[in-house]
Protein backbone atom coordinates (compact mmCIF):
# COMPACT_ATOMS: atom_id res chain seq x y z
CA MET A 1 2.83 -17.38 116.43
CA SER A 2 1.62 -14.66 114.07
CA ALA A 3 4.01 -13.02 115.11
CA TYR A 4 7.30 -14.60 113.39
CA LEU A 5 5.47 -14.82 109.79
CA SER A 6 7.36 -13.44 106.97
CA THR A 7 5.77 -10.86 105.26
CA GLU A 8 4.84 -12.95 102.57
CA THR A 9 2.71 -14.97 104.51
CA LYS A 10 0.51 -12.07 106.12
CA ARG A 11 0.14 -11.04 102.95
CA GLU A 12 -1.15 -14.56 101.55
CA ARG A 13 -3.40 -14.64 104.69
CA ILE A 14 -4.89 -11.88 104.47
CA THR A 15 -5.63 -12.10 100.52
CA HIS A 16 -6.94 -15.43 100.88
CA ARG A 17 -9.09 -14.45 103.90
CA GLU A 18 -10.99 -11.88 102.61
CA GLY A 19 -10.13 -11.51 98.79
CA LEU A 20 -10.90 -7.34 98.59
CA VAL A 21 -8.44 -5.68 101.58
CA PRO A 22 -5.84 -5.46 99.15
CA ALA A 23 -8.32 -3.55 96.52
CA LYS A 24 -10.55 -1.77 98.77
CA ALA A 25 -7.22 -0.45 100.18
CA ILE A 26 -5.79 0.81 96.65
CA GLN A 27 -9.69 2.21 96.59
CA ASP A 28 -9.42 4.51 99.54
CA TYR A 29 -5.97 5.92 98.54
CA GLU A 30 -7.24 6.90 95.66
CA TYR A 31 -9.26 8.81 96.69
CA MET A 32 -7.65 10.35 99.05
CA LYS A 33 -5.62 11.09 96.27
CA GLN A 34 -8.47 12.92 94.32
CA SER A 35 -9.36 14.21 97.33
CA SER A 36 -5.68 16.49 97.82
CA ARG A 37 -5.83 18.02 94.69
CA GLN A 38 -9.58 19.27 95.97
CA PRO A 39 -8.65 22.99 97.59
CA ARG A 40 -10.13 21.76 101.02
CA ASP A 41 -8.90 18.54 101.29
CA PRO A 42 -11.35 16.68 103.93
CA PHE A 43 -8.13 14.86 105.10
CA LEU A 44 -5.86 17.94 105.81
CA ILE A 45 -7.28 19.46 109.48
CA THR A 46 -5.15 22.52 109.94
CA ALA A 47 -5.80 24.75 113.19
CA GLU A 48 -7.21 28.56 111.02
CA ARG A 49 -10.92 26.37 110.37
CA TYR A 50 -13.12 26.60 113.14
CA VAL A 51 -14.40 23.34 113.00
CA ASP A 52 -10.67 21.93 111.98
CA ASN A 53 -9.43 23.79 115.12
CA TYR A 54 -12.08 22.37 117.68
CA ILE A 55 -12.11 19.10 116.56
CA LEU A 56 -7.36 19.35 117.16
CA SER A 57 -8.36 21.86 120.64
CA SER A 58 -10.37 18.85 121.87
CA LEU A 59 -8.16 15.99 120.47
CA VAL A 60 -5.18 17.85 121.90
CA GLN A 61 -6.90 18.62 125.76
CA ARG A 62 -5.15 22.04 126.52
CA PRO A 63 -8.22 24.35 126.21
CA HIS A 64 -5.66 26.73 127.60
CA VAL A 65 -4.50 27.18 124.51
CA ALA A 66 -6.42 29.73 122.62
CA ALA A 67 -6.91 29.64 118.57
CA GLN A 68 -5.42 33.08 118.72
CA ASP A 69 -1.95 32.00 120.14
CA VAL A 70 -1.61 29.96 117.36
CA ILE A 71 0.63 31.73 114.59
CA SER A 72 -1.10 30.85 111.06
CA SER A 73 -0.29 31.78 106.68
CA GLU A 74 -3.81 31.84 106.71
CA PRO A 75 -6.77 34.09 107.66
CA TRP A 76 -8.67 32.75 110.51
CA GLU A 77 -12.09 31.84 109.96
CA PRO A 78 -14.85 32.95 111.80
CA GLU A 79 -16.43 31.29 114.75
CA THR A 80 -19.53 31.36 112.82
CA ALA A 81 -17.96 29.78 110.42
CA SER A 82 -18.88 25.93 111.08
CA THR A 83 -18.75 24.24 108.28
CA PRO A 84 -18.62 20.39 108.35
CA ILE A 85 -15.07 18.98 106.86
CA GLY A 86 -14.81 18.30 103.51
CA GLY A 87 -17.95 20.83 102.75
CA THR A 88 -21.89 19.59 102.88
CA ARG A 89 -22.47 16.92 100.65
CA HIS A 90 -25.13 19.21 98.25
CA GLU A 91 -21.99 21.27 97.52
CA THR A 92 -19.34 18.93 97.21
CA ASN A 93 -21.64 16.67 94.09
CA LYS A 94 -22.24 20.52 92.92
CA GLU A 95 -18.87 21.43 92.20
CA THR A 96 -17.63 18.56 91.45
CA ALA A 97 -20.15 18.25 88.90
CA ARG A 98 -19.71 22.22 87.59
CA ARG A 99 -15.43 20.90 87.12
CA ALA A 100 -16.74 17.86 85.53
CA PHE A 101 -18.62 20.35 82.89
CA LEU A 102 -16.21 22.60 82.72
CA GLU A 103 -13.52 19.64 82.32
CA ARG A 104 -14.99 18.34 79.50
CA LEU A 105 -15.76 21.94 78.09
CA ALA A 106 -12.09 22.47 77.96
CA ILE A 107 -11.13 18.90 75.86
CA ALA A 108 -14.11 19.74 73.78
CA VAL A 109 -12.96 23.59 72.42
CA VAL A 110 -9.07 21.75 72.08
CA ALA A 111 -9.98 18.87 69.97
CA GLY A 112 -11.71 20.80 68.01
CA LEU A 113 -9.28 23.23 67.61
CA PHE A 114 -6.97 20.16 66.92
CA LEU A 115 -8.95 18.73 64.32
CA VAL A 116 -10.06 21.62 62.68
CA GLY A 117 -7.51 24.20 62.84
CA PRO A 118 -4.90 22.60 60.80
CA MET A 119 -8.20 21.37 57.30
CA TRP A 120 -8.07 25.54 57.59
CA LEU A 121 -4.46 25.57 56.91
CA MET A 122 -4.20 22.76 54.41
CA VAL A 123 -6.64 24.48 52.44
CA LEU A 124 -5.64 28.08 52.68
CA HIS A 125 -1.90 27.36 52.18
CA ASN A 126 -2.01 23.92 49.97
CA THR A 127 1.82 23.64 49.00
CA MET A 128 2.87 19.92 50.80
CA TRP A 129 5.46 21.74 53.20
CA THR A 130 2.74 22.77 55.03
CA SER A 131 0.77 19.99 55.01
CA LEU A 132 3.62 18.23 56.42
CA VAL A 133 5.10 20.95 58.76
CA ALA A 134 1.50 21.27 59.40
CA THR A 135 1.04 17.39 60.54
CA SER A 136 3.92 16.73 62.17
CA VAL A 137 4.03 19.81 65.24
CA LEU A 138 0.59 18.90 66.06
CA VAL A 139 1.27 15.12 66.28
CA PHE A 140 4.49 16.42 68.36
CA VAL A 141 1.83 18.08 70.54
CA PHE A 142 -1.21 16.49 70.49
CA GLY A 143 1.58 13.41 71.72
CA VAL A 144 3.09 15.93 74.85
CA MET A 145 -1.22 17.09 75.79
CA ALA A 146 -2.16 13.22 75.59
CA ALA A 147 1.08 12.61 77.42
CA TYR A 148 0.47 14.89 80.59
CA ARG A 149 -3.21 14.28 80.68
CA VAL A 150 -3.11 10.27 80.47
CA GLU A 151 -1.77 8.04 82.71
CA ASP A 152 -1.14 5.32 80.44
CA THR A 153 0.34 4.99 78.24
CA GLU A 154 -1.13 3.13 75.51
CA LYS A 155 -3.54 5.10 75.74
CA VAL A 156 -1.41 8.13 74.97
CA LEU A 157 0.22 6.27 71.60
CA ALA A 158 -3.21 4.88 70.92
CA SER A 159 -4.83 8.53 70.59
CA THR A 160 -1.36 10.11 68.88
CA ALA A 161 -1.33 7.19 66.49
CA ALA A 162 -4.99 7.53 65.36
CA TYR A 163 -4.32 11.59 65.95
CA ALA A 164 -2.24 11.08 63.17
CA ALA A 165 -4.03 9.50 61.49
CA VAL A 166 -6.81 11.52 60.20
CA LEU A 167 -4.02 14.20 60.19
CA VAL A 168 -2.61 12.12 57.04
CA VAL A 169 -5.52 11.96 55.22
CA PHE A 170 -5.47 16.18 55.51
CA VAL A 171 -2.35 15.75 53.96
CA GLY A 172 -3.52 12.84 51.47
CA LEU A 173 -6.97 15.25 50.29
CA SER A 174 -4.32 18.62 49.76
CA VAL A 175 -1.78 16.89 48.21
CA ASP A 176 -4.17 15.47 45.69
CA SER A 177 -6.37 18.51 45.17
CA GLY A 178 -2.77 21.00 44.62
């Protein structure tokens, strides 16, 4: 009887029955999407890695096909390299922490340059045109970088408007003192 239910009815049953199934599926999808950006994707099994090759050959149950018989575009791992698929938890946590630190550091440097650079420019070349052109160009560049980095359009708009407001204060100060 359930084979004749419409897709909408099936979706309602799943949603009403557990409520968490769609949320869990979305979390799993986000995790898989995030993992695909890593250099060693745990959801991708290739015959070049020794452990992956062992799993693939045991699943296929074709022991007569040796790993050397398969043509590969990448070098083969030696048999002694029996690292788990996805790496060890310690290595993964360490690498994640290192990448997060480098990302925060890069953002701090870029943010500092975006704030201190225009301030120096407007102080050293204290003209109305310099202030207006610098503000216009930097707000545009900041907006493009925010759009590239941030997925939520409202956050892109808010951060670009906040940055523009800060630069407008610099323009106001340079016009008053000039």
